[in-house]
Amino acid sequence: MTRVASILAGLGLWIAAATLPAAAQVVDVFEVKGVPVDITADTAANARDRAHAEGETLAFRRVLERLTIRADHGRLPKPRREDITGYVRDVVVAEEKVSAVRYIAKLNFRLKSQEIRKLLIAQRIPFAETASKPALVLPVYQTAGATFLWDEPNPWREAWSQSTDPNALMPIMLALGDLSDIGTIGAEQALAGDAQSLNAAATRYNAGTTLVAKASFGLGLQSRQPELDVRVTSYGATARIPPIARTYAMAPGETIDTLLRRVAVEISREIDDRWKRDNLLQLENVAVLAVVAPIGSLGDWLEIRKRLGQVAVVRRADIVLMSRDEVRLNLQYLGDPEQLATSLEQADLALKADGDEWMLTVAGPGRAGKT
């Protein structure tokens, strides 16, 4: 049996044996919302048909790019438009405007997860399915001796507001900058890595990690040309993002605003890629871990079971023993224990060693220090 055939066979067992409730998924990585279409044709019906076909193509591509790293995007499969329909589970019209010859809409698509997995495996393209909690970015801008976070003008913050991608596996959110945020954390606290302030900001937005993104604009010491120096540091219990330190030169004809937007887009994509690399599914590496889940009631166990259903790397959760105060489980999962723990953290589940046993507990939105 070839390696691809072996993996596909294993995939069939994974699909058939999955016992966790699909309805428990909080983030469906195979769903794309708000796909815009605008088609003019000889009739409204033809315009709608063409628009839906175009939307399917866009949604299909977005899902493949969401699951894979950018270095592999150039070799993603490009099926014929009529074949893409076979990968679409359903479509919902979110917004719609129709005239005699024109169809304008925003469409929500759900793709068939099993078929997408099989396609990527057949093409030997690695992919990730673990969606991270959002990362909260705090853009601190320094120029001419002044430091800005909430104060205006802060073009670095404006650049991030135009650069976030809701389709990313690690989506990045921007704080509102309202009175509550201003009272929670300031620019100096963010730069100093003040744990209490950073934890409070992350808790408010239920973020898995907080990114302090400092940008300093000025003339390069050597080049004497305009440069943007960027330092990104992550904080939080679920953060797995190494620090980023980079200098960007201004391209010919580029303005400060366009430079800031370009850099914000590049950094957000790099962060998403790093998350994917750390969470690529290791389909050929299936392991089983015996865990103990302390409970105080049946409701506690149902909550744990629901959260396990949100974890992409967990394939099965087999009950070995259930009593009034604990449930003993065998977790079948893909990858290694560190990847399992990281994936569980995204569903607010903590996996910790206690002597010779592994304990699985519901974790709150608590935050840890710098990582």
Protein backbone atom coordinates (compact mmCIF):
# COMPACT_ATOMS: atom_id res chain seq x y z
CA MET A 1 0.00 0.00 0.00
CA THR A 2 1.38 3.45 -0.91
CA ARG A 3 1.85 6.13 1.73
CA VAL A 4 -1.01 8.24 0.30
CA ALA A 5 -3.30 5.22 0.16
CA SER A 6 -2.36 4.37 3.73
CA ILE A 7 -3.19 7.86 4.91
CA LEU A 8 -6.47 7.84 3.01
CA ALA A 9 -7.34 4.51 4.61
CA GLY A 10 -6.56 5.97 8.00
CA LEU A 11 -8.64 9.00 7.13
CA GLY A 12 -11.59 6.71 6.41
CA LEU A 13 -11.23 5.15 9.87
CA TRP A 14 -10.90 8.61 11.40
CA ILE A 15 -14.13 9.75 9.73
CA ALA A 16 -16.06 6.57 10.46
CA ALA A 17 -14.90 6.34 14.08
CA ALA A 18 -15.41 9.95 15.06
CA THR A 19 -17.80 9.95 17.99
CA LEU A 20 -17.61 13.56 19.11
CA PRO A 21 -20.58 15.80 18.29
CA ALA A 22 -19.95 17.97 15.22
CA ALA A 23 -22.50 20.46 16.53
CA ALA A 24 -20.04 21.39 19.26
CA GLN A 25 -17.76 23.15 16.78
CA VAL A 26 -17.48 26.83 17.63
CA VAL A 27 -15.35 27.78 14.63
CA ASP A 28 -16.07 25.93 11.40
CA VAL A 29 -12.87 26.26 9.37
CA PHE A 30 -14.71 24.84 6.36
CA GLU A 31 -17.20 27.71 6.32
CA VAL A 32 -16.72 31.00 4.46
CA LYS A 33 -19.10 33.86 5.16
CA GLY A 34 -19.88 37.01 3.24
CA VAL A 35 -18.50 36.01 -0.18
CA PRO A 36 -19.33 39.01 -2.42
CA VAL A 37 -20.71 38.41 -5.92
CA ASP A 38 -21.89 40.90 -8.56
CA ILE A 39 -22.87 39.45 -11.94
CA THR A 40 -24.74 40.89 -14.91
CA ALA A 41 -26.26 38.55 -17.50
CA ASP A 42 -29.11 38.44 -20.01
CA THR A 43 -31.59 37.40 -17.30
CA ALA A 44 -31.73 37.59 -13.52
CA ALA A 45 -31.82 33.79 -13.26
CA ASN A 46 -28.65 33.40 -15.35
CA ALA A 47 -26.94 36.14 -13.36
CA ARG A 48 -27.78 34.35 -10.11
CA ASP A 49 -26.56 30.98 -11.40
CA ARG A 50 -23.27 32.49 -12.56
CA ALA A 51 -22.90 34.40 -9.28
CA HIS A 52 -23.38 31.25 -7.21
CA ALA A 53 -20.83 29.40 -9.34
CA GLU A 54 -18.35 32.24 -8.95
CA GLY A 55 -19.00 32.32 -5.21
CA GLU A 56 -18.33 28.60 -4.94
CA THR A 57 -14.96 29.06 -6.63
CA LEU A 58 -14.01 31.91 -4.30
CA ALA A 59 -15.12 30.02 -1.17
CA PHE A 60 -13.28 26.86 -2.27
CA ARG A 61 -10.04 28.79 -2.74
CA ARG A 62 -10.42 30.64 0.56
CA VAL A 63 -10.84 27.41 2.52
CA LEU A 64 -7.78 25.82 0.90
CA GLU A 65 -5.69 28.93 1.61
CA ARG A 66 -7.01 29.13 5.19
CA LEU A 67 -5.84 25.58 5.95
CA THR A 68 -2.43 25.75 4.26
CA ILE A 69 0.72 27.83 4.59
CA ARG A 70 1.46 30.50 2.00
CA ALA A 71 4.48 28.64 0.61
CA ASP A 72 2.08 25.92 -0.61
CA HIS A 73 -0.57 28.19 -2.11
CA GLY A 74 1.07 28.05 -5.53
CA ARG A 75 0.47 24.31 -5.77
CA LEU A 76 -3.09 24.21 -4.47
CA PRO A 77 -5.39 22.27 -6.81
CA LYS A 78 -7.58 24.19 -9.25
CA PRO A 79 -10.50 21.95 -10.20
CA ARG A 80 -12.88 22.90 -12.98
CA ARG A 81 -15.70 25.13 -11.84
CA GLU A 82 -18.27 22.38 -12.37
CA ASP A 83 -16.21 20.00 -10.20
CA ILE A 84 -15.99 22.50 -7.32
CA THR A 85 -19.74 22.09 -6.73
CA GLY A 86 -19.00 18.61 -5.42
CA TYR A 87 -17.03 20.12 -2.54
CA VAL A 88 -19.86 22.46 -1.44
CA ARG A 89 -22.17 21.25 1.32
CA ASP A 90 -24.60 24.16 1.24
CA VAL A 91 -24.98 27.88 0.57
CA VAL A 92 -26.98 30.53 2.41
CA VAL A 93 -27.83 33.95 0.97
CA ALA A 94 -26.86 36.59 3.55
CA GLU A 95 -27.71 39.64 1.43
CA GLU A 96 -29.28 39.87 -2.00
CA LYS A 97 -30.24 42.49 -4.60
CA VAL A 98 -31.76 41.47 -7.91
CA SER A 99 -32.67 43.44 -11.01
CA ALA A 100 -33.78 42.27 -14.43
CA VAL A 101 -30.21 41.47 -15.51
CA ARG A 102 -28.02 41.89 -12.41
CA TYR A 103 -27.48 39.86 -9.25
CA ILE A 104 -25.62 41.29 -6.23
CA ALA A 105 -25.28 39.26 -3.04
CA LYS A 106 -23.16 38.12 -0.12
CA LEU A 107 -23.16 34.34 0.22
CA ASN A 108 -22.18 31.98 3.04
CA PHE A 109 -20.74 28.63 1.99
CA ARG A 110 -20.02 25.46 3.94
CA LEU A 111 -17.66 23.03 2.27
CA LYS A 112 -17.45 19.26 2.78
CA SER A 113 -14.66 18.73 5.29
CA GLN A 114 -13.97 15.10 4.42
CA GLU A 115 -13.68 15.83 0.71
CA ILE A 116 -11.37 18.80 1.27
CA ARG A 117 -9.12 16.68 3.51
CA LYS A 118 -8.94 13.90 0.94
CA LEU A 119 -8.07 16.40 -1.80
CA LEU A 120 -5.19 17.94 0.16
CA ILE A 121 -3.86 14.54 1.23
CA ALA A 122 -3.94 13.29 -2.36
CA GLN A 123 -1.94 16.37 -3.41
CA ARG A 124 0.52 15.82 -0.54
CA ILE A 125 -0.11 19.33 0.79
CA PRO A 126 0.14 19.62 4.61
CA PHE A 127 -2.70 21.45 6.32
CA ALA A 128 -3.93 22.59 9.73
CA GLU A 129 -7.46 22.71 11.11
CA THR A 130 -6.94 24.05 14.64
CA ALA A 131 -8.44 27.52 14.79
CA SER A 132 -6.79 29.73 17.39
CA LYS A 133 -8.58 32.07 19.69
CA PRO A 134 -8.29 35.60 18.31
CA ALA A 135 -5.08 37.50 18.90
CA LEU A 136 -5.60 41.01 20.24
CA VAL A 137 -3.17 43.49 18.68
CA LEU A 138 -2.09 46.67 20.45
CA PRO A 139 -0.39 48.89 17.83
CA VAL A 140 2.04 51.28 19.54
CA TYR A 141 3.44 53.93 17.21
CA GLN A 142 6.56 56.00 17.91
CA THR A 143 7.61 58.99 15.87
CA ALA A 144 9.39 62.28 16.54
CA GLY A 145 9.83 61.35 20.20
CA ALA A 146 6.10 60.75 20.80
CA THR A 147 4.39 57.42 21.58
CA PHE A 148 0.78 56.68 20.57
CA LEU A 149 -1.64 53.85 21.28
CA TRP A 150 -5.12 55.26 21.73
CA ASP A 151 -4.30 58.90 20.99
CA GLU A 152 -4.68 60.32 17.51
CA PRO A 153 -3.05 60.38 15.12
CA ASN A 154 -1.95 56.74 15.15
CA PRO A 155 -1.59 55.65 11.50
CA TRP A 156 -0.15 52.31 12.68
CA ARG A 157 -3.43 51.50 14.42
CA GLU A 158 -5.35 52.61 11.34
CA ALA A 159 -3.21 50.31 9.19
CA TRP A 160 -4.08 47.32 11.38
CA SER A 161 -7.79 48.19 11.20
CA GLN A 162 -7.56 47.65 7.42
CA SER A 163 -5.37 44.54 7.54
CA THR A 164 -7.15 41.97 9.70
CA ASP A 165 -8.31 38.78 7.97
CA PRO A 166 -11.37 37.08 9.52
CA ASN A 167 -10.61 33.96 7.45
CA ALA A 168 -7.24 33.35 9.15
CA LEU A 169 -6.76 30.32 11.40
CA MET A 170 -5.32 32.79 13.89
CA PRO A 171 -7.61 35.82 13.41
CA ILE A 172 -6.32 39.15 14.64
CA MET A 173 -8.66 41.64 16.29
CA LEU A 174 -8.18 45.29 17.09
CA ALA A 175 -9.36 46.75 20.40
CA LEU A 176 -12.12 49.34 20.21
CA GLY A 177 -10.03 52.04 21.81
CA ASP A 178 -12.94 53.22 23.97
CA LEU A 179 -12.81 54.57 27.52
CA SER A 180 -12.65 51.06 28.95
CA ASP A 181 -9.58 50.21 26.85
CA ILE A 182 -7.94 53.53 27.71
CA GLY A 183 -8.46 52.83 31.41
CA THR A 184 -7.21 49.25 31.09
CA ILE A 185 -3.85 49.69 29.38
CA GLY A 186 -1.69 52.52 28.06
CA ALA A 187 1.18 52.64 25.61
CA GLU A 188 3.89 52.52 28.28
CA GLN A 189 2.23 49.59 30.07
CA ALA A 190 1.99 47.70 26.78
CA LEU A 191 5.65 48.30 25.93
CA ALA A 192 6.71 47.30 29.45
CA GLY A 193 4.75 44.04 29.21
CA ASP A 194 2.66 44.87 32.27
CA ALA A 195 1.03 41.49 33.00
CA GLN A 196 -1.98 42.80 34.89
CA SER A 197 -2.94 45.29 32.19
CA LEU A 198 -2.32 42.85 29.35
CA ASN A 199 -4.37 40.16 31.09
CA ALA A 200 -7.24 42.58 31.62
CA ALA A 201 -7.23 43.61 27.95
CA ALA A 202 -7.13 39.99 26.76
CA THR A 203 -9.92 38.97 29.13
CA ARG A 204 -12.17 41.75 27.86
CA TYR A 205 -11.89 40.46 24.29
CA ASN A 206 -11.54 36.74 25.14
CA ALA A 207 -8.26 36.72 23.25
CA GLY A 208 -5.88 33.78 23.34
CA THR A 209 -2.85 36.00 23.00
CA THR A 210 -2.09 39.72 23.00
CA LEU A 211 0.34 41.18 20.47
CA VAL A 212 2.16 44.36 21.35
CA ALA A 213 3.19 45.65 17.92
CA LYS A 214 5.58 48.59 18.24
CA ALA A 215 6.44 50.54 15.09
CA SER A 216 9.04 53.31 15.04
CA PHE A 217 9.38 55.51 11.98
CA GLY A 218 12.51 57.50 11.22
CA LEU A 219 15.72 57.70 9.21
CA GLY A 220 17.97 54.66 9.15
CA LEU A 221 21.31 55.20 10.90
CA GLN A 222 23.22 53.70 8.00
CA SER A 223 21.00 54.29 5.00
CA ARG A 224 19.74 57.73 6.06
CA GLN A 225 16.55 56.71 4.27
CA PRO A 226 13.03 56.50 5.77
CA GLU A 227 12.63 53.17 7.62
CA LEU A 228 10.02 51.47 9.75
CA ASP A 229 11.37 49.45 12.66
CA VAL A 230 8.85 46.89 13.93
CA ARG A 231 8.92 44.79 17.11
CA VAL A 232 6.08 42.36 17.86
CA THR A 233 5.93 40.56 21.21
CA SER A 234 3.20 38.10 22.19
CA TYR A 235 1.76 37.59 25.66
CA GLY A 236 -0.76 35.03 26.89
CA ALA A 237 -1.31 31.50 28.12
CA THR A 238 -1.97 30.13 24.63
CA ALA A 239 0.60 32.21 22.73
CA ARG A 240 3.04 30.27 20.59
CA ILE A 241 4.41 33.17 18.55
CA PRO A 242 8.14 33.96 18.70
CA PRO A 243 9.06 37.65 18.77
CA ILE A 244 9.28 39.47 15.44
CA ALA A 245 11.95 42.14 14.92
CA ARG A 246 12.32 43.61 11.47
CA THR A 247 13.11 46.82 9.61
CA TYR A 248 11.25 47.83 6.45
CA ALA A 249 12.52 50.34 3.93
CA MET A 250 10.09 52.64 2.19
CA ALA A 251 9.67 51.64 -1.45
CA PRO A 252 9.91 54.26 -4.21
CA GLY A 253 6.65 56.18 -4.47
CA GLU A 254 5.34 54.66 -1.23
CA THR A 255 3.75 56.84 1.43
CA ILE A 256 3.96 56.30 5.16
CA ASP A 257 0.35 55.10 5.23
CA THR A 258 0.82 52.56 2.43
CA LEU A 259 4.05 51.33 4.04
CA LEU A 260 2.26 50.81 7.36
CA ARG A 261 -0.58 48.92 5.68
CA ARG A 262 1.85 46.73 3.73
CA VAL A 263 3.76 45.84 6.87
CA ALA A 264 0.60 45.16 8.93
CA VAL A 265 -0.67 42.77 6.24
CA GLU A 266 2.69 41.01 5.99
CA ILE A 267 3.01 40.56 9.75
CA SER A 268 -0.56 39.31 10.19
CA ARG A 269 -0.01 36.72 7.44
CA GLU A 270 3.30 35.67 8.97
CA ILE A 271 1.65 35.18 12.36
CA ASP A 272 -1.07 33.06 10.77
CA ASP A 273 1.55 30.99 8.93
CA ARG A 274 3.50 30.39 12.14
CA TRP A 275 0.36 29.15 13.85
CA LYS A 276 -0.37 26.78 10.95
CA ARG A 277 3.18 25.40 10.92
CA ASP A 278 2.94 24.60 14.62
CA ASN A 279 -0.42 22.89 14.14
CA LEU A 280 -0.11 20.97 10.87
CA LEU A 281 -2.07 17.74 11.17
CA GLN A 282 0.19 14.71 11.42
CA LEU A 283 -2.23 12.24 9.89
CA GLU A 284 0.24 9.36 9.98
CA ASN A 285 0.93 9.90 13.71
CA VAL A 286 -2.12 8.69 15.66
CA ALA A 287 -1.65 8.34 19.41
CA VAL A 288 -3.78 7.57 22.46
CA LEU A 289 -3.50 9.32 25.81
CA ALA A 290 -5.24 8.21 28.99
CA VAL A 291 -6.62 11.24 30.85
CA VAL A 292 -8.66 11.89 33.98
CA ALA A 293 -11.36 14.58 33.90
CA PRO A 294 -12.50 15.63 37.41
CA ILE A 295 -16.22 16.50 37.49
CA GLY A 296 -18.75 17.66 40.05
CA SER A 297 -21.85 16.80 38.07
CA LEU A 298 -23.09 15.33 34.81
CA GLY A 299 -23.23 18.87 33.46
CA ASP A 300 -19.48 19.23 33.99
CA TRP A 301 -18.83 16.15 31.87
CA LEU A 302 -21.20 17.33 29.14
CA GLU A 303 -19.33 20.64 29.03
CA ILE A 304 -15.96 18.88 28.71
CA ARG A 305 -17.35 16.60 26.03
CA LYS A 306 -18.71 19.58 24.09
CA ARG A 307 -15.37 21.35 24.23
CA LEU A 308 -13.51 18.24 23.09
CA GLY A 309 -15.71 18.37 20.00
CA GLN A 310 -14.09 21.71 19.14
CA VAL A 311 -10.57 20.25 18.99
CA ALA A 312 -9.52 19.30 15.47
CA VAL A 313 -6.71 16.93 16.49
CA VAL A 314 -8.93 14.85 18.81
CA ARG A 315 -10.44 11.97 16.85
CA ARG A 316 -12.12 9.97 19.60
CA ALA A 317 -12.90 10.29 23.30
CA ASP A 318 -13.62 6.81 24.66
CA ILE A 319 -14.97 6.57 28.20
CA VAL A 320 -13.09 3.97 30.24
CA LEU A 321 -14.72 4.67 33.62
CA MET A 322 -17.23 7.22 34.88
CA SER A 323 -17.95 7.97 38.54
CA ARG A 324 -19.53 10.82 40.46
CA ASP A 325 -16.30 12.80 40.68
CA GLU A 326 -14.28 11.86 37.59
CA VAL A 327 -14.35 10.49 34.05
CA ARG A 328 -11.44 8.42 32.78
CA LEU A 329 -10.94 8.73 29.03
CA ASN A 330 -8.74 7.46 26.27
CA LEU A 331 -8.16 10.37 23.87
CA GLN A 332 -7.20 9.35 20.36
CA TYR A 333 -5.44 12.27 18.70
CA LEU A 334 -3.22 13.30 15.81
CA GLY A 335 0.28 14.64 16.35
CA ASP A 336 2.28 14.92 19.56
CA PRO A 337 1.27 15.75 23.16
CA GLU A 338 2.40 19.38 22.86
CA GLN A 339 0.21 19.90 19.80
CA LEU A 340 -2.68 18.23 21.64
CA ALA A 341 -2.26 20.54 24.64
CA THR A 342 -2.12 23.63 22.41
CA SER A 343 -5.27 22.57 20.56
CA LEU A 344 -7.09 21.88 23.83
CA GLU A 345 -6.17 25.34 25.10
CA GLN A 346 -8.10 26.91 22.21
CA ALA A 347 -11.24 25.25 23.60
CA ASP A 348 -10.43 26.37 27.16
CA LEU A 349 -9.34 22.90 28.23
CA ALA A 350 -6.15 22.40 30.24
CA LEU A 351 -4.06 19.23 30.03
CA LYS A 352 -1.53 18.88 32.84
CA ALA A 353 0.55 16.05 34.27
CA ASP A 354 -0.24 15.08 37.87
CA GLY A 355 2.17 12.40 38.95
CA ASP A 356 1.69 9.45 36.62
CA GLU A 357 -1.64 10.74 35.29
CA TRP A 358 -2.79 13.41 32.86
CA MET A 359 -5.56 15.67 34.16
CA LEU A 360 -8.06 17.31 31.79
CA THR A 361 -9.90 20.30 33.24
CA VAL A 362 -11.95 23.24 32.04
CA ALA A 363 -9.77 26.34 32.03
CA GLY A 364 -10.92 29.91 32.38
CA PRO A 365 -9.76 32.81 30.20
CA GLY A 366 -6.75 33.37 32.44
CA ARG A 367 -3.58 34.70 30.90
CA ALA A 368 0.04 33.99 31.57
CA GLY A 369 3.16 36.01 31.02
CA LYS A 370 5.30 36.71 27.98
CA THR A 371 6.15 33.79 25.69
